[in-house]
C-alpha atoms as a PDB file:
ATOM      1  CA  UNK A   1     208.632 -72.723  72.459  1.00  0.00           C
ATOM      2  CA  UNK A   2     209.734 -76.463  73.820  1.00  0.00           C
ATOM      3  CA  UNK A   3     210.803 -77.028  77.447  1.00  0.00           C
ATOM      4  CA  UNK A   4     214.065 -77.420  76.177  1.00  0.00           C
ATOM      5  CA  UNK A   5     214.616 -73.509  76.116  1.00  0.00           C
ATOM      6  CA  UNK A   6     216.085 -71.092  78.351  1.00  0.00           C
ATOM      7  CA  UNK A   7     214.221 -68.313  79.599  1.00  0.00           C
ATOM      8  CA  UNK A   8     215.887 -65.367  80.293  1.00  0.00           C
ATOM      9  CA  UNK A   9     215.119 -63.191  82.965  1.00  0.00           C
ATOM     10  CA  UNK A  10     215.302 -59.268  83.337  1.00  0.00           C
ATOM     11  CA  UNK A  11     215.565 -57.426  85.906  1.00  0.00           C
ATOM     12  CA  UNK A  12     214.370 -54.356  85.987  1.00  0.00           C
ATOM     13  CA  UNK A  13     215.977 -51.413  88.195  1.00  0.00           C
ATOM     14  CA  UNK A  14     213.929 -48.231  89.545  1.00  0.00           C
ATOM     15  CA  UNK A  15     215.753 -45.463  91.467  1.00  0.00           C
ATOM     16  CA  UNK A  16     213.652 -43.616  94.686  1.00  0.00           C
ATOM     17  CA  UNK A  17     214.576 -40.529  96.101  1.00  0.00           C
ATOM     18  CA  UNK A  18     213.772 -39.912  99.552  1.00  0.00           C
ATOM     19  CA  UNK A  19     213.652 -36.142  99.939  1.00  0.00           C
ATOM     20  CA  UNK A  20     213.914 -34.587 103.846  1.00  0.00           C
ATOM     21  CA  UNK A  21     214.101 -30.808 105.195  1.00  0.00           C
ATOM     22  CA  UNK A  22     216.318 -30.795 108.664  1.00  0.00           C
ATOM     23  CA  UNK A  23     216.580 -27.349 110.337  1.00  0.00           C
ATOM     24  CA  UNK A  24     220.354 -25.805 110.012  1.00  0.00           C
ATOM     25  CA  UNK A  25     221.461 -22.979 112.662  1.00  0.00           C
ATOM     26  CA  UNK A  26     223.559 -20.298 110.617  1.00  0.00           C
ATOM     27  CA  UNK A  27     223.290 -17.424 112.760  1.00  0.00           C
ATOM     28  CA  UNK A  28     221.773 -15.634 115.378  1.00  0.00           C
ATOM     29  CA  UNK A  29     221.089 -12.343 116.387  1.00  0.00           C
ATOM     30  CA  UNK A  30     220.663 -10.505 119.822  1.00  0.00           C
ATOM     31  CA  UNK A  31     217.965  -7.372 119.373  1.00  0.00           C
ATOM     32  CA  UNK A  32     217.960  -5.402 122.092  1.00  0.00           C
ATOM     33  CA  UNK A  33     215.376  -2.427 122.422  1.00  0.00           C
ATOM     34  CA  UNK A  34     215.688   0.972 125.160  1.00  0.00           C
ATOM     35  CA  UNK A  35     215.073   3.951 125.885  1.00  0.00           C
ATOM     36  CA  UNK A  36     215.637   7.100 126.148  1.00  0.00           C
ATOM     37  CA  UNK A  37     214.702   9.497 128.335  1.00  0.00           C
ATOM     38  CA  UNK A  38     215.378  13.687 127.186  1.00  0.00           C
ATOM     39  CA  UNK A  39     214.001  16.797 128.353  1.00  0.00           C
ATOM     40  CA  UNK A  40     212.788  19.366 126.226  1.00  0.00           C
ATOM     41  CA  UNK A  41     210.578  22.686 126.355  1.00  0.00           C
ATOM     42  CA  UNK A  42     207.982  22.493 124.703  1.00  0.00           C
ATOM     43  CA  UNK A  43     205.631  25.402 124.701  1.00  0.00           C
ATOM     44  CA  UNK A  44     201.828  25.265 125.591  1.00  0.00           C
ATOM     45  CA  UNK A  45     199.055  27.935 125.866  1.00  0.00           C
ATOM     46  CA  UNK A  46     197.222  28.614 129.560  1.00  0.00           C
ATOM     47  CA  UNK A  47     194.225  30.558 130.052  1.00  0.00           C
ATOM     48  CA  UNK A  48     192.802  32.207 132.744  1.00  0.00           C
ATOM     49  CA  UNK A  49     189.379  33.970 133.720  1.00  0.00           C
ATOM     50  CA  UNK A  50     188.843  36.773 136.319  1.00  0.00           C
ATOM     51  CA  UNK A  51     185.500  36.770 137.978  1.00  0.00           C
ATOM     52  CA  UNK A  52     184.821  40.653 139.165  1.00  0.00           C
ATOM     53  CA  UNK A  53     182.183  41.632 141.151  1.00  0.00           C
ATOM     54  CA  UNK A  54     180.315  44.268 141.628  1.00  0.00           C
ATOM     55  CA  UNK A  55     177.295  45.544 143.290  1.00  0.00           C
ATOM     56  CA  UNK A  56     174.879  48.485 141.848  1.00  0.00           C
ATOM     57  CA  UNK A  57     172.687  49.686 144.136  1.00  0.00           C
ATOM     58  CA  UNK A  58     169.151  51.339 141.949  1.00  0.00           C
ATOM     59  CA  UNK A  59     166.310  51.663 143.981  1.00  0.00           C
ATOM     60  CA  UNK A  60     164.096  51.625 141.233  1.00  0.00           C
ATOM     61  CA  UNK A  61     160.211  50.442 140.767  1.00  0.00           C
ATOM     62  CA  UNK A  62     159.516  48.733 138.508  1.00  0.00           C
ATOM     63  CA  UNK A  63     156.173  47.239 137.643  1.00  0.00           C
ATOM     64  CA  UNK A  64     157.165  43.558 135.917  1.00  0.00           C
ATOM     65  CA  UNK A  65     160.215  41.128 136.868  1.00  0.00           C
ATOM     66  CA  UNK A  66     163.506  42.362 135.437  1.00  0.00           C
ATOM     67  CA  UNK A  67     165.273  38.999 133.466  1.00  0.00           C
ATOM     68  CA  UNK A  68     169.168  38.157 133.806  1.00  0.00           C
ATOM     69  CA  UNK A  69     170.992  40.494 130.687  1.00  0.00           C
ATOM     70  CA  UNK A  70     174.190  40.278 128.936  1.00  0.00           C
ATOM     71  CA  UNK A  71     175.500  43.037 127.793  1.00  0.00           C
ATOM     72  CA  UNK A  72     179.038  43.046 126.099  1.00  0.00           C
ATOM     73  CA  UNK A  73     181.270  39.955 128.852  1.00  0.00           C
ATOM     74  CA  UNK A  74     178.941  41.768 131.816  1.00  0.00           C
ATOM     75  CA  UNK A  75     176.115  39.078 132.440  1.00  0.00           C
ATOM     76  CA  UNK A  76     173.580  42.048 134.987  1.00  0.00           C
ATOM     77  CA  UNK A  77     171.542  39.901 137.252  1.00  0.00           C
ATOM     78  CA  UNK A  78     168.382  41.977 138.550  1.00  0.00           C
ATOM     79  CA  UNK A  79     167.400  41.377 142.630  1.00  0.00           C
ATOM     80  CA  UNK A  80     164.070  43.054 143.482  1.00  0.00           C
ATOM     81  CA  UNK A  81     162.471  43.022 146.942  1.00  0.00           C
ATOM     82  CA  UNK A  82     158.230  43.856 147.502  1.00  0.00           C
ATOM     83  CA  UNK A  83     157.940  47.133 149.419  1.00  0.00           C
ATOM     84  CA  UNK A  84     154.309  48.051 151.773  1.00  0.00           C
ATOM     85  CA  UNK A  85     153.527  51.647 149.730  1.00  0.00           C
ATOM     86  CA  UNK A  86     149.465  51.523 149.337  1.00  0.00           C
ATOM     87  CA  UNK A  87     149.935  49.124 146.625  1.00  0.00           C
ATOM     88  CA  UNK A  88     152.395  46.855 146.568  1.00  0.00           C
ATOM     89  CA  UNK A  89     154.770  47.331 143.544  1.00  0.00           C
ATOM     90  CA  UNK A  90     157.975  45.871 142.619  1.00  0.00           C
ATOM     91  CA  UNK A  91     161.199  47.919 143.452  1.00  0.00           C
ATOM     92  CA  UNK A  92     164.656  47.364 142.289  1.00  0.00           C
ATOM     93  CA  UNK A  93     166.913  47.101 144.681  1.00  0.00           C
ATOM     94  CA  UNK A  94     170.630  46.812 143.455  1.00  0.00           C
ATOM     95  CA  UNK A  95     171.822  45.104 139.924  1.00  0.00           C
ATOM     96  CA  UNK A  96     175.152  42.864 140.432  1.00  0.00           C
ATOM     97  CA  UNK A  97     177.155  42.803 137.691  1.00  0.00           C
ATOM     98  CA  UNK A  98     179.487  40.099 136.872  1.00  0.00           C
ATOM     99  CA  UNK A  99     182.542  40.543 134.448  1.00  0.00           C
ATOM    100  CA  UNK A 100     184.623  38.675 132.744  1.00  0.00           C
ATOM    101  CA  UNK A 101     188.285  38.979 132.559  1.00  0.00           C
ATOM    102  CA  UNK A 102     190.869  36.040 129.789  1.00  0.00           C
ATOM    103  CA  UNK A 103     193.803  36.451 130.393  1.00  0.00           C
ATOM    104  CA  UNK A 104     196.041  34.337 127.790  1.00  0.00           C
ATOM    105  CA  UNK A 105     199.281  33.356 127.878  1.00  0.00           C
ATOM    106  CA  UNK A 106     202.385  30.841 126.958  1.00  0.00           C
ATOM    107  CA  UNK A 107     204.960  29.068 128.704  1.00  0.00           C
ATOM    108  CA  UNK A 108     207.675  27.021 128.242  1.00  0.00           C
ATOM    109  CA  UNK A 109     206.667  23.840 129.827  1.00  0.00           C
ATOM    110  CA  UNK A 110     209.552  20.645 130.891  1.00  0.00           C
ATOM    111  CA  UNK A 111     207.630  17.080 129.028  1.00  0.00           C
ATOM    112  CA  UNK A 112     209.639  14.126 128.967  1.00  0.00           C
ATOM    113  CA  UNK A 113     210.064  12.337 125.712  1.00  0.00           C
ATOM    114  CA  UNK A 114     211.053   8.695 125.427  1.00  0.00           C
ATOM    115  CA  UNK A 115     212.225   7.139 122.328  1.00  0.00           C
ATOM    116  CA  UNK A 116     213.233   3.625 121.994  1.00  0.00           C
ATOM    117  CA  UNK A 117     216.644   2.937 120.232  1.00  0.00           C
ATOM    118  CA  UNK A 118     217.202  -0.844 118.939  1.00  0.00           C
ATOM    119  CA  UNK A 119     220.679  -2.549 118.131  1.00  0.00           C
ATOM    120  CA  UNK A 120     220.633  -5.938 116.604  1.00  0.00           C
ATOM    121  CA  UNK A 121     224.426  -8.373 116.906  1.00  0.00           C
ATOM    122  CA  UNK A 122     225.020 -11.277 113.978  1.00  0.00           C
ATOM    123  CA  UNK A 123     226.254 -14.309 115.065  1.00  0.00           C
ATOM    124  CA  UNK A 124     227.447 -16.880 113.169  1.00  0.00           C
ATOM    125  CA  UNK A 125     228.529 -16.933 109.825  1.00  0.00           C
ATOM    126  CA  UNK A 126     226.309 -15.771 107.376  1.00  0.00           C
ATOM    127  CA  UNK A 127     228.244 -16.003 104.574  1.00  0.00           C
ATOM    128  CA  UNK A 128     228.106 -20.049 103.690  1.00  0.00           C
ATOM    129  CA  UNK A 129     226.792 -20.394 100.188  1.00  0.00           C
ATOM    130  CA  UNK A 130     224.621 -22.706 101.243  1.00  0.00           C
ATOM    131  CA  UNK A 131     222.910 -19.802 102.759  1.00  0.00           C
ATOM    132  CA  UNK A 132     223.570 -17.970 100.290  1.00  0.00           C
ATOM    133  CA  UNK A 133     220.022 -17.280  98.801  1.00  0.00           C
ATOM    134  CA  UNK A 134     218.254 -17.700 102.454  1.00  0.00           C
ATOM    135  CA  UNK A 135     220.010 -14.400 103.226  1.00  0.00           C
ATOM    136  CA  UNK A 136     219.285 -12.552 100.480  1.00  0.00           C
ATOM    137  CA  UNK A 137     218.287  -8.890 102.038  1.00  0.00           C
ATOM    138  CA  UNK A 138     218.709  -9.178 104.807  1.00  0.00           C
ATOM    139  CA  UNK A 139     221.682  -6.796 105.038  1.00  0.00           C
ATOM    140  CA  UNK A 140     219.563  -4.783 103.944  1.00  0.00           C
END
């Protein structure tokens, strides 16, 4: 190549893509939760025990100390004392009989129950074509 020949210059062009995101408000939701109270009657089983004490006179000589015993619903507690005779003996003076009586009844008892109610209000245009994919399934 000689100096007299011209060199042709071909410019190269390149495109570049700059991608960015921005937030766009397409609508608003307002969620309100309220608590409601209501009275309801609930059936409740109530149990009650009464104790009845009866002192039973025995006055019988015993050779050893009787133990506390249970006969049905009655608990028998022996009471002894030593008495002077020519010899010393245990004398069963009395027994204390303790009986249990159980009763059960069903009563209606008022109970306060609470439940939450939710209300959702939408504001703004959610049907915009640019936001359609983002809002898909939001209405279900």
